Amino acid sequence: MTVELPRILSGKVRELYDAEEDRLLMVASDRVSAFDVIMGEPIPQKGRVLTAMTVFWCDEMSDVVPGSLLAADPAQIAAALPGVALPAEWAGRAVLVRRAEMLPLECIVRGYLAGQAHEEYVRSGTVHGTAMPAGLRLADRLAEPIFTPSTKAETGHDVNIDFAGAVDLVGAEAAEAARAICLALYARAAARAADVGFILADTKFELGYVDGVLCLCDEVCTPDSSRLWPADQVVPGTTPPAFDKQPLRDWLATQPWDRTPPPPALPPSVTAALSERYVAAYERVTGLSLDDWYGATP
């Protein structure tokens, strides 16, 4: 007799299932969100890219911080969940992880001025409430990477906060540990990206406690959680071409949409372009082929 895992959360991109014994099964879909709103159209291969890239980075960064990941191999997951019915389409999209007590922070590190940080800087000369040097342009490199957290909203939009706000949310010890870990993770990822001709402009990490130890959780340095630019095409003052969700954000910016649901329907040209960029980002950064990752179509 087979059983199904109880679903405990449906997020913007991922589904979480209770796998018992303080474990979760996390399944990445092909959904895509922008400005905290889920689009109506899937992006082909996106879930496999997010999963494969996260597994790669968790292995690369294991000496910096422990991770919550237990297994990504479908055979290993099945062996760990005897009697559980696992849909075939989850292969390459599902990972078994330790259950963590998550920090209520989006741990963002920025090395370049882009996105909401650039919008805030244009308005007020600040980034997450912290004053920045005058004269910075879009896509300018910052003097040093900065830790710029935000809240994690259950519904609606996350709210950017400064470090003092993070301390108010999680306490000084946890906030300082998160900042140190995330800056170290960003440095590692940015160096790897630079080696293959990319700039990691910014990225978001998620941290949580497993058995009292702060661990790396959720997705890691994926095109969903990062801005990845081809280094030879970055011109400060203009929006760089991106191997991430920026083409989606740019297209949405041309639409008569107020960034609240429902979003406009995405044309096939946008979904195809995003899929190509996701796959290219994975293969170029890792040096691996997505065809060799679990769940490839024969």
Protein backbone atom coordinates (compact mmCIF):
# COMPACT_ATOMS: atom_id res chain seq x y z
CA MET A 1 0.00 0.00 0.00
CA THR A 2 1.33 3.42 -0.92
CA VAL A 3 0.62 6.69 0.85
CA GLU A 4 0.96 10.32 -0.10
CA LEU A 5 2.92 12.87 1.91
CA PRO A 6 0.82 15.60 3.53
CA ARG A 7 1.45 18.98 1.92
CA ILE A 8 2.13 21.65 4.52
CA LEU A 9 2.94 24.69 2.38
CA SER A 10 2.52 25.90 -1.18
CA GLY A 11 4.94 28.75 -1.84
CA LYS A 12 5.60 31.00 -4.80
CA VAL A 13 7.69 28.31 -6.47
CA ARG A 14 8.02 25.35 -4.10
CA GLU A 15 5.73 22.83 -2.45
CA LEU A 16 6.67 21.53 1.00
CA TYR A 17 5.61 18.11 2.29
CA ASP A 18 5.92 16.57 5.74
CA ALA A 19 8.35 13.64 5.46
CA GLU A 20 8.27 12.84 9.22
CA GLU A 21 11.33 12.38 11.47
CA ASP A 22 11.94 16.17 11.34
CA ARG A 23 12.29 16.06 7.55
CA LEU A 24 10.61 17.85 4.68
CA LEU A 25 10.34 17.05 0.99
CA MET A 26 10.77 20.23 -1.04
CA VAL A 27 9.60 20.19 -4.67
CA ALA A 28 10.48 23.00 -7.08
CA SER A 29 7.83 23.78 -9.69
CA ASP A 30 8.15 25.63 -12.98
CA ARG A 31 6.22 28.58 -11.55
CA VAL A 32 7.85 31.99 -11.71
CA SER A 33 7.17 35.07 -9.61
CA ALA A 34 8.09 38.71 -9.96
CA PHE A 35 7.45 41.54 -7.54
CA ASP A 36 6.13 38.83 -5.15
CA VAL A 37 3.35 37.86 -7.60
CA ILE A 38 3.15 34.42 -9.22
CA MET A 39 2.79 34.49 -12.99
CA GLY A 40 0.17 32.32 -14.68
CA GLU A 41 2.52 30.60 -17.15
CA PRO A 42 5.22 28.00 -16.26
CA ILE A 43 8.85 28.28 -17.37
CA PRO A 44 9.98 24.95 -18.88
CA GLN A 45 12.86 23.21 -17.01
CA LYS A 46 12.91 25.89 -14.32
CA GLY A 47 12.23 23.55 -11.40
CA ARG A 48 15.03 21.19 -12.42
CA VAL A 49 17.46 24.09 -12.84
CA LEU A 50 16.66 25.51 -9.41
CA THR A 51 17.10 22.11 -7.76
CA ALA A 52 20.28 21.15 -9.60
CA MET A 53 21.89 24.53 -9.00
CA THR A 54 20.99 24.50 -5.31
CA VAL A 55 22.51 21.05 -4.85
CA PHE A 56 25.67 22.19 -6.64
CA TRP A 57 26.07 25.26 -4.43
CA CYS A 58 25.29 23.40 -1.21
CA ASP A 59 28.18 21.07 -1.99
CA GLU A 60 30.48 23.95 -3.00
CA MET A 61 29.70 25.89 0.20
CA SER A 62 29.58 23.07 2.72
CA ASP A 63 32.83 24.22 4.31
CA VAL A 64 31.38 27.69 4.97
CA VAL A 65 28.10 26.65 6.59
CA PRO A 66 26.29 23.32 7.02
CA GLY A 67 23.20 22.76 4.92
CA SER A 68 19.82 21.17 5.52
CA LEU A 69 19.99 18.99 2.38
CA LEU A 70 19.78 15.22 2.89
CA ALA A 71 19.18 13.77 -0.60
CA ALA A 72 18.37 14.79 -4.18
CA ASP A 73 18.81 11.42 -5.91
CA PRO A 74 15.26 10.10 -6.53
CA ALA A 75 16.37 6.57 -5.59
CA GLN A 76 17.80 7.78 -2.27
CA ILE A 77 14.66 9.80 -1.56
CA ALA A 78 12.46 6.80 -2.31
CA ALA A 79 14.57 4.58 -0.05
CA ALA A 80 14.25 7.13 2.78
CA LEU A 81 10.45 7.23 2.35
CA PRO A 82 9.34 3.60 2.05
CA GLY A 83 5.73 3.14 1.07
CA VAL A 84 5.36 6.74 -0.14
CA ALA A 85 4.04 7.42 -3.63
CA LEU A 86 6.41 9.85 -5.35
CA PRO A 87 5.22 11.19 -8.71
CA ALA A 88 7.65 10.49 -11.55
CA GLU A 89 7.63 14.18 -12.53
CA TRP A 90 9.26 15.06 -9.19
CA ALA A 91 12.54 13.48 -10.31
CA GLY A 92 15.16 16.23 -10.42
CA ARG A 93 12.81 18.69 -8.70
CA ALA A 94 12.50 17.15 -5.23
CA VAL A 95 14.99 17.21 -2.36
CA LEU A 96 14.75 15.71 1.11
CA VAL A 97 15.86 18.18 3.76
CA ARG A 98 16.08 18.51 7.51
CA ARG A 99 13.32 20.55 9.06
CA ALA A 100 14.72 23.89 10.23
CA GLU A 101 13.55 26.72 12.43
CA MET A 102 13.83 29.43 9.80
CA LEU A 103 15.10 32.92 10.48
CA PRO A 104 12.31 35.38 9.59
CA LEU A 105 14.74 37.22 7.29
CA GLU A 106 15.49 37.31 3.60
CA CYS A 107 19.31 37.46 3.80
CA ILE A 108 20.22 39.51 0.73
CA VAL A 109 23.80 40.40 -0.20
CA ARG A 110 24.43 43.07 -2.82
CA GLY A 111 27.73 43.64 -4.62
CA TYR A 112 26.28 45.94 -7.27
CA LEU A 113 23.53 48.55 -7.38
CA ALA A 114 20.43 47.07 -9.05
CA GLY A 115 16.75 46.37 -8.65
CA GLN A 116 14.90 47.73 -5.64
CA ALA A 117 18.19 48.93 -4.16
CA HIS A 118 18.77 51.16 -7.19
CA GLU A 119 15.18 52.43 -7.08
CA GLU A 120 15.58 53.37 -3.41
CA TYR A 121 18.97 54.97 -4.06
CA VAL A 122 17.50 57.17 -6.82
CA ARG A 123 14.74 58.29 -4.46
CA SER A 124 16.72 58.88 -1.29
CA GLY A 125 20.43 58.13 -1.69
CA THR A 126 20.06 55.11 0.58
CA VAL A 127 20.01 51.32 0.24
CA HIS A 128 17.82 49.57 2.80
CA GLY A 129 17.82 52.78 4.79
CA THR A 130 21.60 53.11 4.88
CA ALA A 131 23.17 56.20 3.29
CA MET A 132 25.35 55.44 0.25
CA PRO A 133 27.99 57.49 -1.60
CA ALA A 134 26.69 60.07 -4.06
CA GLY A 135 26.94 59.57 -7.81
CA LEU A 136 26.31 55.82 -8.05
CA ARG A 137 24.73 54.53 -11.24
CA LEU A 138 22.65 51.48 -12.04
CA ALA A 139 24.96 48.43 -12.25
CA ASP A 140 27.83 50.19 -10.48
CA ARG A 141 29.95 47.98 -8.27
CA LEU A 142 29.69 48.84 -4.59
CA ALA A 143 32.83 49.57 -2.59
CA GLU A 144 32.25 46.25 -0.83
CA PRO A 145 29.38 43.75 -0.70
CA ILE A 146 26.67 44.73 1.77
CA PHE A 147 24.19 42.69 3.77
CA THR A 148 20.72 44.09 3.09
CA PRO A 149 17.99 42.00 4.74
CA SER A 150 14.26 42.16 4.28
CA THR A 151 11.26 40.75 6.12
CA LYS A 152 9.60 37.54 4.93
CA ALA A 153 5.98 38.41 4.24
CA GLU A 154 3.40 35.59 4.39
CA THR A 155 1.34 37.55 1.88
CA GLY A 156 2.08 40.63 -0.21
CA HIS A 157 5.51 42.21 -0.46
CA ASP A 158 8.63 41.72 1.65
CA VAL A 159 9.81 44.90 3.36
CA ASN A 160 13.43 46.03 3.06
CA ILE A 161 15.02 46.78 6.43
CA ASP A 162 18.41 47.89 7.70
CA PHE A 163 20.69 45.85 9.96
CA ALA A 164 19.16 47.38 13.07
CA GLY A 165 15.79 46.14 11.86
CA ALA A 166 17.23 42.64 11.48
CA VAL A 167 18.53 42.80 15.03
CA ASP A 168 15.06 43.78 16.21
CA LEU A 169 13.60 40.75 14.43
CA VAL A 170 16.05 37.99 15.34
CA GLY A 171 18.40 39.42 17.97
CA ALA A 172 21.96 40.68 17.69
CA GLU A 173 23.69 37.28 17.83
CA ALA A 174 21.60 35.72 15.06
CA ALA A 175 21.72 38.85 12.89
CA GLU A 176 25.50 39.13 13.16
CA ALA A 177 25.96 35.42 12.45
CA ALA A 178 23.64 35.64 9.42
CA ARG A 179 25.51 38.65 8.07
CA ALA A 180 28.92 36.99 8.43
CA ILE A 181 27.75 33.72 6.87
CA CYS A 182 25.99 35.37 3.95
CA LEU A 183 28.87 37.70 3.11
CA ALA A 184 31.20 34.67 3.07
CA LEU A 185 28.76 32.72 0.87
CA TYR A 186 28.43 35.65 -1.53
CA ALA A 187 32.22 35.98 -1.82
CA ARG A 188 32.52 32.28 -2.67
CA ALA A 189 29.71 32.37 -5.24
CA ALA A 190 30.83 35.65 -6.81
CA ALA A 191 34.35 34.30 -7.29
CA ARG A 192 33.02 31.17 -9.00
CA ALA A 193 30.76 33.28 -11.21
CA ALA A 194 33.66 35.55 -12.14
CA ASP A 195 35.71 32.54 -13.22
CA VAL A 196 33.14 31.81 -15.95
CA GLY A 197 32.60 35.42 -17.01
CA PHE A 198 29.59 36.28 -14.85
CA ILE A 199 28.95 39.01 -12.30
CA LEU A 200 26.83 37.95 -9.34
CA ALA A 201 25.23 41.33 -8.71
CA ASP A 202 23.19 40.23 -5.72
CA THR A 203 21.67 37.11 -4.23
CA LYS A 204 19.35 36.01 -1.46
CA PHE A 205 20.06 33.33 1.13
CA GLU A 206 17.75 31.59 3.59
CA LEU A 207 19.09 30.42 6.94
CA GLY A 208 17.55 28.34 9.68
CA TYR A 209 18.47 26.42 12.82
CA VAL A 210 18.84 22.64 12.67
CA ASP A 211 19.58 21.14 16.09
CA GLY A 212 20.62 24.60 17.26
CA VAL A 213 23.08 25.16 14.40
CA LEU A 214 22.51 27.88 11.80
CA CYS A 215 22.30 26.16 8.40
CA LEU A 216 21.85 27.04 4.74
CA CYS A 217 18.32 26.24 3.60
CA ASP A 218 16.01 26.54 0.59
CA GLU A 219 17.43 27.61 -2.79
CA VAL A 220 21.02 28.80 -3.18
CA CYS A 221 22.37 31.22 -5.83
CA THR A 222 19.80 30.28 -8.45
CA PRO A 223 18.52 32.53 -11.25
CA ASP A 224 15.40 32.99 -9.10
CA SER A 225 17.29 34.27 -6.09
CA SER A 226 20.13 36.13 -7.83
CA ARG A 227 21.03 38.67 -10.49
CA LEU A 228 23.60 37.12 -12.82
CA TRP A 229 25.13 39.34 -15.50
CA PRO A 230 27.59 38.54 -18.32
CA ALA A 231 30.62 40.54 -17.21
CA ASP A 232 31.60 41.69 -20.69
CA GLN A 233 28.19 43.27 -21.30
CA VAL A 234 27.76 45.36 -18.15
CA VAL A 235 27.62 49.10 -18.87
CA PRO A 236 27.02 51.18 -15.71
CA GLY A 237 23.99 53.38 -16.09
CA THR A 238 22.07 50.79 -18.12
CA THR A 239 20.29 47.54 -17.27
CA PRO A 240 22.65 44.64 -18.05
CA PRO A 241 21.40 41.62 -19.98
CA ALA A 242 20.68 39.01 -17.35
CA PHE A 243 20.74 35.25 -16.87
CA ASP A 244 17.99 35.57 -14.30
CA LYS A 245 14.46 36.95 -13.96
CA GLN A 246 15.38 40.45 -15.16
CA PRO A 247 13.94 39.93 -18.68
CA LEU A 248 10.64 39.11 -17.00
CA ARG A 249 10.83 42.18 -14.78
CA ASP A 250 11.73 44.34 -17.78
CA TRP A 251 8.79 43.03 -19.82
CA LEU A 252 6.41 43.53 -16.92
CA ALA A 253 7.66 47.11 -16.54
CA THR A 254 6.31 47.84 -20.03
CA GLN A 255 2.85 46.57 -19.12
CA PRO A 256 -0.03 48.54 -17.55
CA TRP A 257 0.23 46.54 -14.32
CA ASP A 258 0.35 47.77 -10.70
CA ARG A 259 2.34 44.78 -9.35
CA THR A 260 -0.69 43.23 -7.67
CA PRO A 261 -2.55 40.05 -8.71
CA PRO A 262 -3.61 39.11 -11.29
CA PRO A 263 -0.50 39.57 -13.43
CA PRO A 264 -0.58 40.00 -17.20
CA ALA A 265 -0.30 36.84 -19.32
CA LEU A 266 3.25 36.13 -20.44
CA PRO A 267 3.80 35.69 -24.19
CA PRO A 268 5.60 32.51 -25.35
CA SER A 269 8.64 34.58 -26.33
CA VAL A 270 9.15 35.61 -22.70
CA THR A 271 8.71 32.11 -21.23
CA ALA A 272 11.05 30.60 -23.85
CA ALA A 273 13.70 33.27 -23.26
CA LEU A 274 13.56 32.71 -19.52
CA SER A 275 13.86 28.95 -19.90
CA GLU A 276 16.92 29.30 -22.12
CA ARG A 277 18.55 31.70 -19.65
CA TYR A 278 17.90 29.43 -16.66
CA VAL A 279 19.43 26.42 -18.38
CA ALA A 280 22.39 28.46 -19.67
CA ALA A 281 23.04 29.91 -16.22
CA TYR A 282 23.18 26.46 -14.65
CA GLU A 283 25.40 24.93 -17.29
CA ARG A 284 27.82 27.84 -17.49
CA VAL A 285 28.24 28.33 -13.74
CA THR A 286 28.53 24.65 -12.85
CA GLY A 287 30.23 23.32 -15.98
CA LEU A 288 27.60 20.55 -16.01
CA SER A 289 24.85 19.64 -18.47
CA LEU A 290 21.24 19.79 -17.33
CA ASP A 291 20.67 16.70 -19.48
CA ASP A 292 22.73 14.77 -16.92
CA TRP A 293 20.55 15.89 -13.98
CA TYR A 294 17.73 13.74 -12.67
CA GLY A 295 14.45 13.91 -14.54
CA ALA A 296 15.81 14.60 -18.01
CA THR A 297 13.47 13.71 -20.86
CA PRO A 298 14.79 10.61 -22.66
